[in-house]
Structures are given as C-alpha cells and as structure tokens.
Amino acid sequence: MKRFAVLALSCALAAPLAAQNVATVNGQSITQKQLDEFVSLLVKQGAKDSPELREQVKQEMTVRLVAVQEAEKAGLDKKPEVAQELALARQGILVRALLSDYIEKNPLSDKDFKAEYERLKKAEAGQKEFKVSHILVQEEDEAKQLLADINAKKISFAEAAKQKSVDTGSGAQGGDLGWAPSGMYVEEFATAVEKQKKGEISAAPVQSQFGWHIIQVEDSRDLEFPTFEEVKPQIEELLRQKQLTDYQDSLMKKAKVN
C-alpha cells in the first residue's frame, strides 16, 4: 500500500509541472510562462488576449523553435557573422530593458510636465507671428521687374504670384504662406519679415538660398501659445528623452573608458 501511496503522490506532484508546458518540440519544452510573456508583448502592442490569439502564438512559437533547432543543428549559430548579430541583438534588448527599467523607477509627473510647459511658454512670451505672402523667382532682374510692375499697379501681387512664382504651392494661393513665427523661415527671409510693417511689400527683392523673394507682410499678432493639453504628449516625450540622455551621460561618466 505504501508503494501505491508514494506513486500516487509522485504523480500528483508531477502533474502541475507537466501542465506548465504548452508544447514539446523534439524534447524541448515551450512553457506556459513563455507563452504568457509572448502574449503580454502582443497585448502591449494593441492585440486583444483571447484563446484564438494564444493558439496563434503557440503555433508561432512552435514554428520558431523548430527553425532554431534546425539552425543550431547545422551550426549556424557558430558562424562569426551570425554570432555577431546575436550579440548585437542581445545588447539592444538589454539596453532597451535598462532604459525601460530606469523610466519605471523614476517616473515623471504632471508637475514636471507643467513646469516644462511654463518654461517654454515664458521663453515664447513677446514673440510674434506673421501672415506673409511671397513671390519667388530665380533671377534678380526678374524679381526687380515684377516688383516695379506691382508697385505701378500693372499687376496685383496675388496675380504675379500665380503667374510667376516658382513656389507653386503658395503661388496657387496668390503667394499666401499663412500664419507663422519668423523663425520658421530661412534667416534672410525672416529678417526681412521682422523689419517690414503690416501691409508693406519689400522695398527690394530679398535673396535666399532658394532664389529672390518679393515679400508682403499682411498682418502680425502676438504668438498664441498652445494649451497645456494640446502639447502635453510632446512635452512628455521631450522630457523622457532628456531624462534618458542624462541617465546615459551619467553612466558614461562613471565608466572607465580607455
């Protein structure tokens, strides 16, 4: 009786361990934990956990394991170029895991995001944005003639832009570039815009790397800074990138590099 009792106990203990394996491929197990971790990765990427997904994952893991076993049997993992790729892949995974762990242990808060928002908002205070139109041509003489014709009322600014501007996007709109801070433009163009008064057309064509511009500043206004909610995702990304850069810099400072 004791033999049967011991045998029954052994079977009872072995059953849960065997149940942890979802498949065995040529003697190598795919565990429930491995399957759960694979599914968890897919769920984080937007998939929905379901019996169908788990069956697909099981099949995918089985196919992969069969292929890996065959590659190892052929000694491909020992080839220098393959070994190097494996080492680089391992490094990449460890770096991502390290940075993810650091972010998890050093979370940023709404207080951090709002402080950065206020800093950016203060830095932009007093800046203006301009409603600008332009005509772009390649030659200075052509630009001068067009400007003279516009000033003499022989042709309107908008019509000249439609007919002559090589910037066909704005040209089709009569030269209209819409509202933007001057910093959005190349330096020569930006300087001219900032100097012109509302309603003025440039006294002379302005040269940039793109050609010769005739510029009309139609209006200006104080730069309207977006709300916190509108830019919060960008601020979060900005601060996290800075956080990770600072962390990596601190690791480099502590490392002994010869």
C-alpha atoms as a PDB file:
ATOM      1  CA  MET A   1       0.000   0.000   0.000  1.00  0.00           C
ATOM      2  CA  LYS A   2       2.822   2.376   0.823  1.00  0.00           C
ATOM      3  CA  ARG A   3       4.276   1.891  -2.673  1.00  0.00           C
ATOM      4  CA  PHE A   4       0.964   2.854  -4.282  1.00  0.00           C
ATOM      5  CA  ALA A   5       0.580   5.864  -1.973  1.00  0.00           C
ATOM      6  CA  VAL A   6       4.044   7.132  -2.834  1.00  0.00           C
ATOM      7  CA  LEU A   7       3.376   6.571  -6.552  1.00  0.00           C
ATOM      8  CA  ALA A   8       0.089   8.463  -6.369  1.00  0.00           C
ATOM      9  CA  LEU A   9       1.778  11.337  -4.546  1.00  0.00           C
ATOM     10  CA  SER A  10       4.554  11.456  -7.150  1.00  0.00           C
ATOM     11  CA  CYS A  11       2.009  11.635  -9.973  1.00  0.00           C
ATOM     12  CA  ALA A  12       0.101  14.394  -8.203  1.00  0.00           C
ATOM     13  CA  LEU A  13       3.253  16.457  -7.812  1.00  0.00           C
ATOM     14  CA  ALA A  14       4.343  15.851 -11.390  1.00  0.00           C
ATOM     15  CA  ALA A  15       1.005  16.821 -12.953  1.00  0.00           C
ATOM     16  CA  PRO A  16       1.233  20.586 -12.283  1.00  0.00           C
ATOM     17  CA  LEU A  17       4.797  20.675 -13.611  1.00  0.00           C
ATOM     18  CA  ALA A  18       3.803  18.902 -16.806  1.00  0.00           C
ATOM     19  CA  ALA A  19       0.815  21.196 -17.168  1.00  0.00           C
ATOM     20  CA  GLN A  20       3.166  24.181 -17.257  1.00  0.00           C
ATOM     21  CA  ASN A  21       4.367  23.105 -20.699  1.00  0.00           C
ATOM     22  CA  VAL A  22       2.117  24.002 -23.619  1.00  0.00           C
ATOM     23  CA  ALA A  23       4.139  22.023 -26.155  1.00  0.00           C
ATOM     24  CA  THR A  24       7.270  19.914 -26.506  1.00  0.00           C
ATOM     25  CA  VAL A  25       9.286  20.154 -29.714  1.00  0.00           C
ATOM     26  CA  ASN A  26      11.899  17.450 -30.256  1.00  0.00           C
ATOM     27  CA  GLY A  27      12.216  17.108 -26.494  1.00  0.00           C
ATOM     28  CA  GLN A  28      12.456  20.870 -25.864  1.00  0.00           C
ATOM     29  CA  SER A  29       9.611  22.464 -23.934  1.00  0.00           C
ATOM     30  CA  ILE A  30       7.617  25.600 -24.629  1.00  0.00           C
ATOM     31  CA  THR A  31       6.408  26.665 -21.193  1.00  0.00           C
ATOM     32  CA  GLN A  32       3.197  28.367 -20.182  1.00  0.00           C
ATOM     33  CA  LYS A  33       5.301  31.242 -18.840  1.00  0.00           C
ATOM     34  CA  GLN A  34       6.992  31.742 -22.220  1.00  0.00           C
ATOM     35  CA  LEU A  35       3.618  31.747 -23.967  1.00  0.00           C
ATOM     36  CA  ASP A  36       2.178  34.223 -21.424  1.00  0.00           C
ATOM     37  CA  GLU A  37       5.153  36.580 -21.888  1.00  0.00           C
ATOM     38  CA  PHE A  38       4.813  36.450 -25.695  1.00  0.00           C
ATOM     39  CA  VAL A  39       1.072  37.191 -25.435  1.00  0.00           C
ATOM     40  CA  SER A  40       1.785  40.025 -22.974  1.00  0.00           C
ATOM     41  CA  LEU A  41       4.122  41.675 -25.510  1.00  0.00           C
ATOM     42  CA  LEU A  42       1.439  41.495 -28.205  1.00  0.00           C
ATOM     43  CA  VAL A  43      -1.211  42.898 -25.838  1.00  0.00           C
ATOM     44  CA  LYS A  44       1.079  45.867 -25.069  1.00  0.00           C
ATOM     45  CA  GLN A  45       1.240  46.477 -28.832  1.00  0.00           C
ATOM     46  CA  GLY A  46      -2.554  46.583 -29.077  1.00  0.00           C
ATOM     47  CA  ALA A  47      -3.625  42.950 -29.541  1.00  0.00           C
ATOM     48  CA  LYS A  48      -6.521  41.523 -27.533  1.00  0.00           C
ATOM     49  CA  ASP A  49      -5.849  38.475 -25.387  1.00  0.00           C
ATOM     50  CA  SER A  50      -8.064  35.591 -26.498  1.00  0.00           C
ATOM     51  CA  PRO A  51      -7.961  31.810 -26.942  1.00  0.00           C
ATOM     52  CA  GLU A  52      -7.501  32.358 -30.682  1.00  0.00           C
ATOM     53  CA  LEU A  53      -4.515  34.673 -30.124  1.00  0.00           C
ATOM     54  CA  ARG A  54      -2.950  32.196 -27.694  1.00  0.00           C
ATOM     55  CA  GLU A  55      -3.328  29.367 -30.195  1.00  0.00           C
ATOM     56  CA  GLN A  56      -1.701  31.509 -32.902  1.00  0.00           C
ATOM     57  CA  VAL A  57       1.131  32.390 -30.532  1.00  0.00           C
ATOM     58  CA  LYS A  58       1.620  28.732 -29.634  1.00  0.00           C
ATOM     59  CA  GLN A  59       1.842  27.811 -33.323  1.00  0.00           C
ATOM     60  CA  GLU A  60       4.269  30.692 -33.986  1.00  0.00           C
ATOM     61  CA  MET A  61       6.496  29.668 -31.057  1.00  0.00           C
ATOM     62  CA  THR A  62       6.477  26.070 -32.267  1.00  0.00           C
ATOM     63  CA  VAL A  63       7.467  27.043 -35.813  1.00  0.00           C
ATOM     64  CA  ARG A  64      10.221  29.304 -34.485  1.00  0.00           C
ATOM     65  CA  LEU A  65      11.591  26.633 -32.163  1.00  0.00           C
ATOM     66  CA  VAL A  66      11.699  24.052 -34.951  1.00  0.00           C
ATOM     67  CA  ALA A  67      13.614  26.521 -37.139  1.00  0.00           C
ATOM     68  CA  VAL A  68      16.005  27.479 -34.325  1.00  0.00           C
ATOM     69  CA  GLN A  69      16.727  23.834 -33.555  1.00  0.00           C
ATOM     70  CA  GLU A  70      17.493  23.189 -37.211  1.00  0.00           C
ATOM     71  CA  ALA A  71      19.778  26.249 -37.397  1.00  0.00           C
ATOM     72  CA  GLU A  72      21.675  25.175 -34.278  1.00  0.00           C
ATOM     73  CA  LYS A  73      21.908  21.596 -35.577  1.00  0.00           C
ATOM     74  CA  ALA A  74      23.549  22.995 -38.718  1.00  0.00           C
ATOM     75  CA  GLY A  75      25.953  25.035 -36.561  1.00  0.00           C
ATOM     76  CA  LEU A  76      24.744  28.355 -37.967  1.00  0.00           C
ATOM     77  CA  ASP A  77      24.826  29.981 -34.526  1.00  0.00           C
ATOM     78  CA  LYS A  78      28.614  29.427 -34.543  1.00  0.00           C
ATOM     79  CA  LYS A  79      29.197  31.326 -37.786  1.00  0.00           C
ATOM     80  CA  PRO A  80      31.032  34.617 -36.990  1.00  0.00           C
ATOM     81  CA  GLU A  81      28.507  36.888 -38.727  1.00  0.00           C
ATOM     82  CA  VAL A  82      25.553  35.150 -37.063  1.00  0.00           C
ATOM     83  CA  ALA A  83      27.234  35.178 -33.651  1.00  0.00           C
ATOM     84  CA  GLN A  84      27.848  38.910 -34.070  1.00  0.00           C
ATOM     85  CA  GLU A  85      24.208  39.553 -34.959  1.00  0.00           C
ATOM     86  CA  LEU A  86      23.094  37.555 -31.931  1.00  0.00           C
ATOM     87  CA  ALA A  87      25.436  39.556 -29.692  1.00  0.00           C
ATOM     88  CA  LEU A  88      24.175  42.859 -31.093  1.00  0.00           C
ATOM     89  CA  ALA A  89      20.559  41.757 -30.683  1.00  0.00           C
ATOM     90  CA  ARG A  90      21.278  40.805 -27.069  1.00  0.00           C
ATOM     91  CA  GLN A  91      22.889  44.197 -26.443  1.00  0.00           C
ATOM     92  CA  GLY A  92      19.913  46.011 -27.959  1.00  0.00           C
ATOM     93  CA  ILE A  93      17.447  44.063 -25.824  1.00  0.00           C
ATOM     94  CA  LEU A  94      19.452  44.742 -22.656  1.00  0.00           C
ATOM     95  CA  VAL A  95      19.773  48.470 -23.423  1.00  0.00           C
ATOM     96  CA  ARG A  96      16.021  48.777 -24.004  1.00  0.00           C
ATOM     97  CA  ALA A  97      15.348  46.829 -20.804  1.00  0.00           C
ATOM     98  CA  LEU A  98      17.731  49.052 -18.828  1.00  0.00           C
ATOM     99  CA  LEU A  99      16.159  52.284 -20.073  1.00  0.00           C
ATOM    100  CA  SER A 100      12.641  50.956 -19.562  1.00  0.00           C
ATOM    101  CA  ASP A 101      13.545  49.907 -16.013  1.00  0.00           C
ATOM    102  CA  TYR A 102      15.014  53.356 -15.309  1.00  0.00           C
ATOM    103  CA  ILE A 103      11.869  55.135 -16.525  1.00  0.00           C
ATOM    104  CA  GLU A 104       9.689  52.812 -14.461  1.00  0.00           C
ATOM    105  CA  LYS A 105      11.731  53.510 -11.315  1.00  0.00           C
ATOM    106  CA  ASN A 106      11.979  57.258 -11.993  1.00  0.00           C
ATOM    107  CA  PRO A 107       8.537  58.268 -13.270  1.00  0.00           C
ATOM    108  CA  LEU A 108       7.822  61.811 -14.403  1.00  0.00           C
ATOM    109  CA  SER A 109       4.712  63.532 -13.084  1.00  0.00           C
ATOM    110  CA  ASP A 110       2.202  66.087 -14.312  1.00  0.00           C
ATOM    111  CA  LYS A 111       4.048  68.564 -12.098  1.00  0.00           C
ATOM    112  CA  ASP A 112       7.198  68.029 -14.210  1.00  0.00           C
ATOM    113  CA  PHE A 113       5.254  68.392 -17.459  1.00  0.00           C
ATOM    114  CA  LYS A 114       3.504  71.581 -16.328  1.00  0.00           C
ATOM    115  CA  ALA A 115       6.789  73.111 -15.150  1.00  0.00           C
ATOM    116  CA  GLU A 116       8.329  72.470 -18.568  1.00  0.00           C
ATOM    117  CA  TYR A 117       5.222  73.872 -20.267  1.00  0.00           C
ATOM    118  CA  GLU A 118       5.505  77.103 -18.262  1.00  0.00           C
ATOM    119  CA  ARG A 119       9.214  77.352 -19.072  1.00  0.00           C
ATOM    120  CA  LEU A 120       8.537  77.001 -22.803  1.00  0.00           C
ATOM    121  CA  LYS A 121       5.612  79.409 -22.636  1.00  0.00           C
ATOM    122  CA  LYS A 122       7.750  82.018 -20.875  1.00  0.00           C
ATOM    123  CA  ALA A 123      10.507  81.609 -23.466  1.00  0.00           C
ATOM    124  CA  GLU A 124       7.985  82.331 -26.241  1.00  0.00           C
ATOM    125  CA  ALA A 125       6.445  85.341 -24.478  1.00  0.00           C
ATOM    126  CA  GLY A 126       6.524  88.532 -26.534  1.00  0.00           C
ATOM    127  CA  GLN A 127       7.179  86.738 -29.805  1.00  0.00           C
ATOM    128  CA  LYS A 128       5.052  87.449 -32.833  1.00  0.00           C
ATOM    129  CA  GLU A 129       3.745  85.510 -35.778  1.00  0.00           C
ATOM    130  CA  PHE A 130       3.184  86.956 -39.213  1.00  0.00           C
ATOM    131  CA  LYS A 131       0.749  86.443 -42.081  1.00  0.00           C
ATOM    132  CA  VAL A 132       3.065  86.522 -45.060  1.00  0.00           C
ATOM    133  CA  SER A 133       2.817  86.172 -48.824  1.00  0.00           C
ATOM    134  CA  HIS A 134       5.739  85.939 -51.210  1.00  0.00           C
ATOM    135  CA  ILE A 135       6.701  85.570 -54.841  1.00  0.00           C
ATOM    136  CA  LEU A 136       9.815  83.519 -55.554  1.00  0.00           C
ATOM    137  CA  VAL A 137      11.784  83.766 -58.804  1.00  0.00           C
ATOM    138  CA  GLN A 138      15.284  82.629 -59.729  1.00  0.00           C
ATOM    139  CA  GLU A 139      16.739  85.812 -61.217  1.00  0.00           C
ATOM    140  CA  GLU A 140      17.211  89.198 -59.514  1.00  0.00           C
ATOM    141  CA  ASP A 141      16.340  91.167 -62.663  1.00  0.00           C
ATOM    142  CA  GLU A 142      13.023  89.353 -62.991  1.00  0.00           C
ATOM    143  CA  ALA A 143      12.266  89.987 -59.318  1.00  0.00           C
ATOM    144  CA  LYS A 144      13.024  93.715 -59.701  1.00  0.00           C
ATOM    145  CA  GLN A 145      10.783  93.994 -62.780  1.00  0.00           C
ATOM    146  CA  LEU A 146       7.932  92.160 -61.051  1.00  0.00           C
ATOM    147  CA  LEU A 147       8.239  94.419 -58.001  1.00  0.00           C
ATOM    148  CA  ALA A 148       8.181  97.519 -60.240  1.00  0.00           C
ATOM    149  CA  ASP A 149       5.077  96.244 -62.042  1.00  0.00           C
ATOM    150  CA  ILE A 150       3.312  95.534 -58.723  1.00  0.00           C
ATOM    151  CA  ASN A 151       4.162  98.977 -57.364  1.00  0.00           C
ATOM    152  CA  ALA A 152       2.967 100.572 -60.621  1.00  0.00           C
ATOM    153  CA  LYS A 153      -0.332  98.659 -60.278  1.00  0.00           C
ATOM    154  CA  LYS A 154       0.281  96.916 -63.618  1.00  0.00           C
ATOM    155  CA  ILE A 155      -0.373  93.583 -61.913  1.00  0.00           C
ATOM    156  CA  SER A 156      -1.583  92.610 -58.471  1.00  0.00           C
ATOM    157  CA  PHE A 157       0.677  90.830 -56.015  1.00  0.00           C
ATOM    158  CA  ALA A 158      -1.598  87.771 -55.989  1.00  0.00           C
ATOM    159  CA  GLU A 159      -1.762  87.555 -59.792  1.00  0.00           C
ATOM    160  CA  ALA A 160       2.022  87.939 -60.099  1.00  0.00           C
ATOM    161  CA  ALA A 161       2.453  85.090 -57.602  1.00  0.00           C
ATOM    162  CA  LYS A 162       0.101  82.828 -59.541  1.00  0.00           C
ATOM    163  CA  GLN A 163       1.798  83.564 -62.867  1.00  0.00           C
ATOM    164  CA  LYS A 164       5.468  83.851 -61.949  1.00  0.00           C
ATOM    165  CA  SER A 165       6.313  82.274 -58.574  1.00  0.00           C
ATOM    166  CA  VAL A 166       8.407  79.097 -58.733  1.00  0.00           C
ATOM    167  CA  ASP A 167       6.995  78.214 -55.321  1.00  0.00           C
ATOM    168  CA  THR A 168       3.944  76.715 -56.970  1.00  0.00           C
ATOM    169  CA  GLY A 169       2.309  75.679 -53.688  1.00  0.00           C
ATOM    170  CA  SER A 170       1.956  79.190 -52.324  1.00  0.00           C
ATOM    171  CA  GLY A 171       1.813  80.670 -55.818  1.00  0.00           C
ATOM    172  CA  ALA A 172      -1.511  78.981 -56.490  1.00  0.00           C
ATOM    173  CA  GLN A 173      -2.811  80.727 -53.355  1.00  0.00           C
ATOM    174  CA  GLY A 174      -1.640  84.146 -54.513  1.00  0.00           C
ATOM    175  CA  GLY A 175       1.632  83.740 -52.618  1.00  0.00           C
ATOM    176  CA  ASP A 176      -0.051  83.117 -49.259  1.00  0.00           C
ATOM    177  CA  LEU A 177       2.169  81.338 -46.695  1.00  0.00           C
ATOM    178  CA  GLY A 178      -0.333  81.638 -43.860  1.00  0.00           C
ATOM    179  CA  TRP A 179       0.493  82.464 -40.228  1.00  0.00           C
ATOM    180  CA  ALA A 180       3.884  81.508 -38.775  1.00  0.00           C
ATOM    181  CA  PRO A 181       6.599  82.914 -36.499  1.00  0.00           C
ATOM    182  CA  SER A 182       9.506  84.397 -38.420  1.00  0.00           C
ATOM    183  CA  GLY A 183      11.780  81.670 -37.058  1.00  0.00           C
ATOM    184  CA  MET A 184      10.056  79.206 -39.387  1.00  0.00           C
ATOM    185  CA  TYR A 185      11.746  80.858 -42.374  1.00  0.00           C
ATOM    186  CA  VAL A 186      15.352  80.990 -43.577  1.00  0.00           C
ATOM    187  CA  GLU A 187      17.396  83.777 -41.989  1.00  0.00           C
ATOM    188  CA  GLU A 188      17.294  86.341 -44.821  1.00  0.00           C
ATOM    189  CA  PHE A 189      13.563  85.912 -45.275  1.00  0.00           C
ATOM    190  CA  ALA A 190      12.906  86.055 -41.524  1.00  0.00           C
ATOM    191  CA  THR A 191      14.948  89.255 -41.104  1.00  0.00           C
ATOM    192  CA  ALA A 192      13.028  90.962 -43.893  1.00  0.00           C
ATOM    193  CA  VAL A 193       9.673  89.906 -42.453  1.00  0.00           C
ATOM    194  CA  GLU A 194      10.565  91.241 -38.990  1.00  0.00           C
ATOM    195  CA  LYS A 195      11.618  94.618 -40.412  1.00  0.00           C
ATOM    196  CA  GLN A 196       8.547  95.174 -42.590  1.00  0.00           C
ATOM    197  CA  LYS A 197       5.425  96.871 -41.302  1.00  0.00           C
ATOM    198  CA  LYS A 198       1.943  95.455 -41.659  1.00  0.00           C
ATOM    199  CA  GLY A 199       0.685  95.826 -45.236  1.00  0.00           C
ATOM    200  CA  GLU A 200       4.128  96.572 -46.663  1.00  0.00           C
ATOM    201  CA  ILE A 201       5.767  94.940 -49.666  1.00  0.00           C
ATOM    202  CA  SER A 202       9.550  94.585 -49.551  1.00  0.00           C
ATOM    203  CA  ALA A 203      11.317  97.652 -50.910  1.00  0.00           C
ATOM    204  CA  ALA A 204      13.711  95.418 -52.818  1.00  0.00           C
ATOM    205  CA  PRO A 205      13.829  91.706 -53.621  1.00  0.00           C
ATOM    206  CA  VAL A 206      15.323  89.564 -50.860  1.00  0.00           C
ATOM    207  CA  GLN A 207      17.823  86.856 -51.758  1.00  0.00           C
ATOM    208  CA  SER A 208      17.915  83.457 -50.042  1.00  0.00           C
ATOM    209  CA  GLN A 209      19.293  80.053 -50.924  1.00  0.00           C
ATOM    210  CA  PHE A 210      16.075  79.426 -52.870  1.00  0.00           C
ATOM    211  CA  GLY A 211      16.203  82.476 -55.107  1.00  0.00           C
ATOM    212  CA  TRP A 212      14.778  86.026 -54.965  1.00  0.00           C
ATOM    213  CA  HIS A 213      11.690  86.830 -52.904  1.00  0.00           C
ATOM    214  CA  ILE A 214       9.184  89.656 -53.080  1.00  0.00           C
ATOM    215  CA  ILE A 215       7.627  89.677 -49.623  1.00  0.00           C
ATOM    216  CA  GLN A 216       4.350  91.099 -48.406  1.00  0.00           C
ATOM    217  CA  VAL A 217       3.614  91.177 -44.662  1.00  0.00           C
ATOM    218  CA  GLU A 218      -0.171  91.246 -44.476  1.00  0.00           C
ATOM    219  CA  ASP A 219      -0.595  91.177 -40.700  1.00  0.00           C
ATOM    220  CA  SER A 220       1.109  90.347 -37.400  1.00  0.00           C
ATOM    221  CA  ARG A 221      -0.027  89.343 -33.909  1.00  0.00           C
ATOM    222  CA  ASP A 222       1.316  88.058 -30.617  1.00  0.00           C
ATOM    223  CA  LEU A 223       2.236  84.414 -30.887  1.00  0.00           C
ATOM    224  CA  GLU A 224      -0.594  82.326 -29.468  1.00  0.00           C
ATOM    225  CA  PHE A 225       0.907  79.595 -27.331  1.00  0.00           C
ATOM    226  CA  PRO A 226      -0.993  76.266 -27.393  1.00  0.00           C
ATOM    227  CA  THR A 227      -2.748  74.988 -24.269  1.00  0.00           C
ATOM    228  CA  PHE A 228      -1.051  72.514 -21.943  1.00  0.00           C
ATOM    229  CA  GLU A 229      -3.340  69.680 -23.034  1.00  0.00           C
ATOM    230  CA  GLU A 230      -2.539  70.307 -26.708  1.00  0.00           C
ATOM    231  CA  VAL A 231       1.214  69.940 -26.235  1.00  0.00           C
ATOM    232  CA  LYS A 232       1.358  67.588 -23.251  1.00  0.00           C
ATOM    233  CA  PRO A 233       2.260  64.476 -25.345  1.00  0.00           C
ATOM    234  CA  GLN A 234       5.165  66.317 -26.993  1.00  0.00           C
ATOM    235  CA  ILE A 235       6.377  67.653 -23.639  1.00  0.00           C
ATOM    236  CA  GLU A 236       6.223  64.160 -22.109  1.00  0.00           C
ATOM    237  CA  GLU A 237       8.309  62.772 -24.961  1.00  0.00           C
ATOM    238  CA  LEU A 238      10.763  65.682 -24.749  1.00  0.00           C
ATOM    239  CA  LEU A 239      11.317  65.237 -21.009  1.00  0.00           C
ATOM    240  CA  ARG A 240      11.617  61.457 -21.223  1.00  0.00           C
ATOM    241  CA  GLN A 241      14.218  61.737 -23.949  1.00  0.00           C
ATOM    242  CA  LYS A 242      16.145  64.270 -21.846  1.00  0.00           C
ATOM    243  CA  GLN A 243      15.800  62.014 -18.799  1.00  0.00           C
ATOM    244  CA  LEU A 244      17.253  59.048 -20.690  1.00  0.00           C
ATOM    245  CA  THR A 245      20.034  61.138 -22.236  1.00  0.00           C
ATOM    246  CA  ASP A 246      21.029  62.439 -18.798  1.00  0.00           C
ATOM    247  CA  TYR A 247      20.964  58.893 -17.423  1.00  0.00           C
ATOM    248  CA  GLN A 248      23.169  57.572 -20.214  1.00  0.00           C
ATOM    249  CA  ASP A 249      25.558  60.521 -19.732  1.00  0.00           C
ATOM    250  CA  SER A 250      25.798  59.700 -16.011  1.00  0.00           C
ATOM    251  CA  LEU A 251      26.649  56.073 -16.825  1.00  0.00           C
ATOM    252  CA  MET A 252      29.379  57.195 -19.234  1.00  0.00           C
ATOM    253  CA  LYS A 253      30.891  59.500 -16.601  1.00  0.00           C
ATOM    254  CA  LYS A 254      31.116  56.605 -14.116  1.00  0.00           C
ATOM    255  CA  ALA A 255      32.543  54.172 -16.691  1.00  0.00           C
ATOM    256  CA  LYS A 256      36.272  53.649 -17.171  1.00  0.00           C
ATOM    257  CA  VAL A 257      36.853  54.044 -20.894  1.00  0.00           C
ATOM    258  CA  ASN A 258      40.429  53.836 -22.198  1.00  0.00           C
END
